[in-house]
Amino acid sequence: MPPVPHKRPCAITFQGADMNNERQIQDEDLMDVAQDPEQAHRLRKALKVLADNPNVGGKLQEMAQEVLSGRIGMKDAIETPRYMDALGDRMNEIRRAAENQTMAEREESREKFAAWQKEQEAKEDEERAERDGPSGSIVTGPRRGGRGGGHRG
């Protein structure tokens, strides 16, 4: 067998293994740029989407992968011109695409976004419940019922 076919799969496998085996930052690692733990969680999830989506590519995907691996801090990433230029370029592409939509396409996009947003909120509620554990629902559950009195009859 020629060495080239052997090297190519190994490189791909190595890159995949590299991202999966190396340290991944946690929500708390983003608290230097986030206002609260919930925002840090959403930011890490967004970075994961950018890092894992093959359609992103380029510097934007590189930036997300670098931040998630801990090789660069989020604060440093937003101060890196090449990463912010990539973000600006992507935002301009999105703006141009939105400007070129017909009214029917805009309405369809709004409907799809509303459905997606509802799905994301449900997932976030589920994740929050898992993170908070059973004690969170025990503490807040009875208060929401709100009879106003104690638990004695």
C-alpha atoms as a PDB file:
ATOM      1  CA  MET A   1       0.000   0.000   0.000  1.00  0.00           C
ATOM      2  CA  PRO A   2       1.242   3.516  -0.712  1.00  0.00           C
ATOM      3  CA  PRO A   3       1.880   5.659   2.373  1.00  0.00           C
ATOM      4  CA  VAL A   4      -0.407   8.541   1.294  1.00  0.00           C
ATOM      5  CA  PRO A   5      -3.759   6.704   1.753  1.00  0.00           C
ATOM      6  CA  HIS A   6      -2.536   5.508   5.142  1.00  0.00           C
ATOM      7  CA  LYS A   7      -1.534   8.993   6.268  1.00  0.00           C
ATOM      8  CA  ARG A   8      -4.730  10.740   5.217  1.00  0.00           C
ATOM      9  CA  PRO A   9      -7.144   8.628   7.362  1.00  0.00           C
ATOM     10  CA  CYS A  10      -4.731   8.804  10.289  1.00  0.00           C
ATOM     11  CA  ALA A  11      -4.654  12.594  10.091  1.00  0.00           C
ATOM     12  CA  ILE A  12      -8.443  12.783  10.030  1.00  0.00           C
ATOM     13  CA  THR A  13      -8.707  10.271  12.856  1.00  0.00           C
ATOM     14  CA  PHE A  14      -6.065  12.150  14.813  1.00  0.00           C
ATOM     15  CA  GLN A  15      -7.876  15.475  14.397  1.00  0.00           C
ATOM     16  CA  GLY A  16     -11.143  13.918  15.524  1.00  0.00           C
ATOM     17  CA  ALA A  17      -9.457  12.144  18.412  1.00  0.00           C
ATOM     18  CA  ASP A  18      -7.579  15.329  19.257  1.00  0.00           C
ATOM     19  CA  MET A  19     -10.799  17.326  19.675  1.00  0.00           C
ATOM     20  CA  ASN A  20     -12.509  14.515  21.595  1.00  0.00           C
ATOM     21  CA  ASN A  21      -9.639  13.581  23.893  1.00  0.00           C
ATOM     22  CA  GLU A  22      -8.258  16.982  24.708  1.00  0.00           C
ATOM     23  CA  ARG A  23      -9.557  19.019  27.598  1.00  0.00           C
ATOM     24  CA  GLN A  24     -12.822  20.769  26.891  1.00  0.00           C
ATOM     25  CA  ILE A  25     -13.641  23.967  28.724  1.00  0.00           C
ATOM     26  CA  GLN A  26     -16.612  24.093  31.063  1.00  0.00           C
ATOM     27  CA  ASP A  27     -19.219  26.825  31.440  1.00  0.00           C
ATOM     28  CA  GLU A  28     -17.298  28.335  34.357  1.00  0.00           C
ATOM     29  CA  ASP A  29     -14.291  28.899  32.087  1.00  0.00           C
ATOM     30  CA  LEU A  30     -16.339  31.503  30.188  1.00  0.00           C
ATOM     31  CA  MET A  31     -17.309  33.564  33.229  1.00  0.00           C
ATOM     32  CA  ASP A  32     -14.670  36.167  32.342  1.00  0.00           C
ATOM     33  CA  VAL A  33     -16.902  37.239  29.422  1.00  0.00           C
ATOM     34  CA  ALA A  34     -20.333  36.009  30.539  1.00  0.00           C
ATOM     35  CA  GLN A  35     -22.624  37.963  32.848  1.00  0.00           C
ATOM     36  CA  ASP A  36     -23.988  34.883  34.599  1.00  0.00           C
ATOM     37  CA  PRO A  37     -23.705  31.067  34.550  1.00  0.00           C
ATOM     38  CA  GLU A  38     -26.691  30.721  32.197  1.00  0.00           C
ATOM     39  CA  GLN A  39     -25.075  33.037  29.636  1.00  0.00           C
ATOM     40  CA  ALA A  40     -21.788  31.118  29.963  1.00  0.00           C
ATOM     41  CA  HIS A  41     -23.683  27.884  29.296  1.00  0.00           C
ATOM     42  CA  ARG A  42     -25.369  29.299  26.190  1.00  0.00           C
ATOM     43  CA  LEU A  43     -22.049  30.680  24.934  1.00  0.00           C
ATOM     44  CA  ARG A  44     -20.329  27.305  25.324  1.00  0.00           C
ATOM     45  CA  LYS A  45     -23.202  25.609  23.485  1.00  0.00           C
ATOM     46  CA  ALA A  46     -22.952  28.164  20.659  1.00  0.00           C
ATOM     47  CA  LEU A  47     -19.196  27.624  20.409  1.00  0.00           C
ATOM     48  CA  LYS A  48     -19.816  23.862  20.240  1.00  0.00           C
ATOM     49  CA  VAL A  49     -22.254  24.349  17.350  1.00  0.00           C
ATOM     50  CA  LEU A  50     -19.692  26.489  15.492  1.00  0.00           C
ATOM     51  CA  ALA A  51     -16.897  24.016  16.188  1.00  0.00           C
ATOM     52  CA  ASP A  52     -18.873  20.937  15.131  1.00  0.00           C
ATOM     53  CA  ASN A  53     -20.714  22.300  12.079  1.00  0.00           C
ATOM     54  CA  PRO A  54     -18.801  21.552   8.871  1.00  0.00           C
ATOM     55  CA  ASN A  55     -20.705  24.342   7.090  1.00  0.00           C
ATOM     56  CA  VAL A  56     -19.046  26.967   9.299  1.00  0.00           C
ATOM     57  CA  GLY A  57     -15.462  26.238   8.302  1.00  0.00           C
ATOM     58  CA  GLY A  58     -12.618  28.710   8.162  1.00  0.00           C
ATOM     59  CA  LYS A  59     -11.468  31.045  10.897  1.00  0.00           C
ATOM     60  CA  LEU A  60     -14.809  31.076  12.713  1.00  0.00           C
ATOM     61  CA  GLN A  61     -14.747  27.319  13.228  1.00  0.00           C
ATOM     62  CA  GLU A  62     -11.068  27.470  14.149  1.00  0.00           C
ATOM     63  CA  MET A  63     -11.806  30.124  16.766  1.00  0.00           C
ATOM     64  CA  ALA A  64     -14.584  28.043  18.338  1.00  0.00           C
ATOM     65  CA  GLN A  65     -12.356  24.960  18.440  1.00  0.00           C
ATOM     66  CA  GLU A  66      -9.483  26.932  19.971  1.00  0.00           C
ATOM     67  CA  VAL A  67     -11.709  28.406  22.690  1.00  0.00           C
ATOM     68  CA  LEU A  68     -13.424  25.097  23.480  1.00  0.00           C
ATOM     69  CA  SER A  69     -10.071  23.344  23.824  1.00  0.00           C
ATOM     70  CA  GLY A  70      -8.806  26.044  26.163  1.00  0.00           C
ATOM     71  CA  ARG A  71      -5.906  26.939  23.859  1.00  0.00           C
ATOM     72  CA  ILE A  72      -7.216  30.518  23.704  1.00  0.00           C
ATOM     73  CA  GLY A  73      -9.544  32.348  26.069  1.00  0.00           C
ATOM     74  CA  MET A  74     -12.810  33.828  24.799  1.00  0.00           C
ATOM     75  CA  LYS A  75     -11.625  37.297  25.752  1.00  0.00           C
ATOM     76  CA  ASP A  76      -8.468  36.795  23.660  1.00  0.00           C
ATOM     77  CA  ALA A  77     -10.526  35.392  20.783  1.00  0.00           C
ATOM     78  CA  ILE A  78     -12.709  38.493  20.606  1.00  0.00           C
ATOM     79  CA  GLU A  79      -9.600  40.639  20.634  1.00  0.00           C
ATOM     80  CA  THR A  80      -8.068  38.692  17.718  1.00  0.00           C
ATOM     81  CA  PRO A  81      -8.690  40.644  14.486  1.00  0.00           C
ATOM     82  CA  ARG A  82      -8.759  37.605  12.184  1.00  0.00           C
ATOM     83  CA  TYR A  83     -11.471  35.951  14.272  1.00  0.00           C
ATOM     84  CA  MET A  84     -13.577  39.085  14.562  1.00  0.00           C
ATOM     85  CA  ASP A  85     -13.162  39.733  10.831  1.00  0.00           C
ATOM     86  CA  ALA A  86     -14.435  36.193  10.176  1.00  0.00           C
ATOM     87  CA  LEU A  87     -17.412  36.825  12.456  1.00  0.00           C
ATOM     88  CA  GLY A  88     -18.131  40.136  10.729  1.00  0.00           C
ATOM     89  CA  ASP A  89     -17.921  38.486   7.313  1.00  0.00           C
ATOM     90  CA  ARG A  90     -20.384  35.780   8.383  1.00  0.00           C
ATOM     91  CA  MET A  91     -22.773  38.368   9.823  1.00  0.00           C
ATOM     92  CA  ASN A  92     -22.634  40.297   6.517  1.00  0.00           C
ATOM     93  CA  GLU A  93     -23.446  37.093   4.600  1.00  0.00           C
ATOM     94  CA  ILE A  94     -26.447  36.505   6.855  1.00  0.00           C
ATOM     95  CA  ARG A  95     -27.612  40.122   6.460  1.00  0.00           C
ATOM     96  CA  ARG A  96     -27.309  39.977   2.639  1.00  0.00           C
ATOM     97  CA  ALA A  97     -29.198  36.673   2.539  1.00  0.00           C
ATOM     98  CA  ALA A  98     -31.976  38.159   4.690  1.00  0.00           C
ATOM     99  CA  GLU A  99     -32.202  41.262   2.504  1.00  0.00           C
ATOM    100  CA  ASN A 100     -32.605  39.095  -0.613  1.00  0.00           C
ATOM    101  CA  GLN A 101     -35.495  37.049   0.787  1.00  0.00           C
ATOM    102  CA  THR A 102     -39.011  37.426  -0.577  1.00  0.00           C
ATOM    103  CA  MET A 103     -41.842  38.171   1.852  1.00  0.00           C
ATOM    104  CA  ALA A 104     -42.969  34.524   1.650  1.00  0.00           C
ATOM    105  CA  GLU A 105     -39.428  33.336   2.441  1.00  0.00           C
ATOM    106  CA  ARG A 106     -39.221  35.758   5.368  1.00  0.00           C
ATOM    107  CA  GLU A 107     -42.485  34.475   6.797  1.00  0.00           C
ATOM    108  CA  GLU A 108     -41.350  30.875   6.359  1.00  0.00           C
ATOM    109  CA  SER A 109     -38.037  31.737   8.056  1.00  0.00           C
ATOM    110  CA  ARG A 110     -39.886  33.377  10.963  1.00  0.00           C
ATOM    111  CA  GLU A 111     -42.065  30.301  11.400  1.00  0.00           C
ATOM    112  CA  LYS A 112     -39.078  27.954  11.251  1.00  0.00           C
ATOM    113  CA  PHE A 113     -37.170  30.126  13.705  1.00  0.00           C
ATOM    114  CA  ALA A 114     -40.128  30.239  16.116  1.00  0.00           C
ATOM    115  CA  ALA A 115     -40.391  26.437  16.021  1.00  0.00           C
ATOM    116  CA  TRP A 116     -36.615  26.072  16.446  1.00  0.00           C
ATOM    117  CA  GLN A 117     -36.606  28.578  19.308  1.00  0.00           C
ATOM    118  CA  LYS A 118     -39.412  26.715  21.094  1.00  0.00           C
ATOM    119  CA  GLU A 119     -37.474  23.452  20.696  1.00  0.00           C
ATOM    120  CA  GLN A 120     -34.290  25.068  22.034  1.00  0.00           C
ATOM    121  CA  GLU A 121     -36.119  26.491  25.043  1.00  0.00           C
ATOM    122  CA  ALA A 122     -37.537  23.047  25.829  1.00  0.00           C
ATOM    123  CA  LYS A 123     -34.046  21.520  25.565  1.00  0.00           C
ATOM    124  CA  GLU A 124     -32.599  24.249  27.790  1.00  0.00           C
ATOM    125  CA  ASP A 125     -35.347  23.717  30.368  1.00  0.00           C
ATOM    126  CA  GLU A 126     -34.580  19.998  30.328  1.00  0.00           C
ATOM    127  CA  GLU A 127     -30.824  20.607  30.677  1.00  0.00           C
ATOM    128  CA  ARG A 128     -31.418  23.107  33.470  1.00  0.00           C
ATOM    129  CA  ALA A 129     -33.586  20.577  35.316  1.00  0.00           C
ATOM    130  CA  GLU A 130     -30.835  17.956  34.939  1.00  0.00           C
ATOM    131  CA  ARG A 131     -28.145  20.387  36.144  1.00  0.00           C
ATOM    132  CA  ASP A 132     -30.201  21.593  39.077  1.00  0.00           C
ATOM    133  CA  GLY A 133     -31.084  18.040  40.029  1.00  0.00           C
ATOM    134  CA  PRO A 134     -34.143  16.836  41.928  1.00  0.00           C
ATOM    135  CA  SER A 135     -33.578  19.212  44.843  1.00  0.00           C
ATOM    136  CA  GLY A 136     -34.275  22.199  42.582  1.00  0.00           C
ATOM    137  CA  SER A 137     -37.773  21.018  41.736  1.00  0.00           C
ATOM    138  CA  ILE A 138     -38.522  20.022  45.342  1.00  0.00           C
ATOM    139  CA  VAL A 139     -37.630  23.504  46.595  1.00  0.00           C
ATOM    140  CA  THR A 140     -39.397  25.453  43.843  1.00  0.00           C
ATOM    141  CA  GLY A 141     -42.286  23.038  43.210  1.00  0.00           C
ATOM    142  CA  PRO A 142     -44.409  23.761  46.298  1.00  0.00           C
ATOM    143  CA  ARG A 143     -43.812  27.531  46.061  1.00  0.00           C
ATOM    144  CA  ARG A 144     -45.287  27.646  42.583  1.00  0.00           C
ATOM    145  CA  GLY A 145     -48.470  26.017  43.868  1.00  0.00           C
ATOM    146  CA  GLY A 146     -48.789  29.011  46.154  1.00  0.00           C
ATOM    147  CA  ARG A 147     -51.504  28.223  48.678  1.00  0.00           C
ATOM    148  CA  GLY A 148     -49.968  30.842  50.878  1.00  0.00           C
ATOM    149  CA  GLY A 149     -50.007  28.817  54.069  1.00  0.00           C
ATOM    150  CA  GLY A 150     -47.746  26.287  55.628  1.00  0.00           C
ATOM    151  CA  HIS A 151     -47.940  22.595  55.005  1.00  0.00           C
ATOM    152  CA  ARG A 152     -50.158  21.944  58.041  1.00  0.00           C
ATOM    153  CA  GLY A 153     -53.905  21.713  57.675  1.00  0.00           C
END
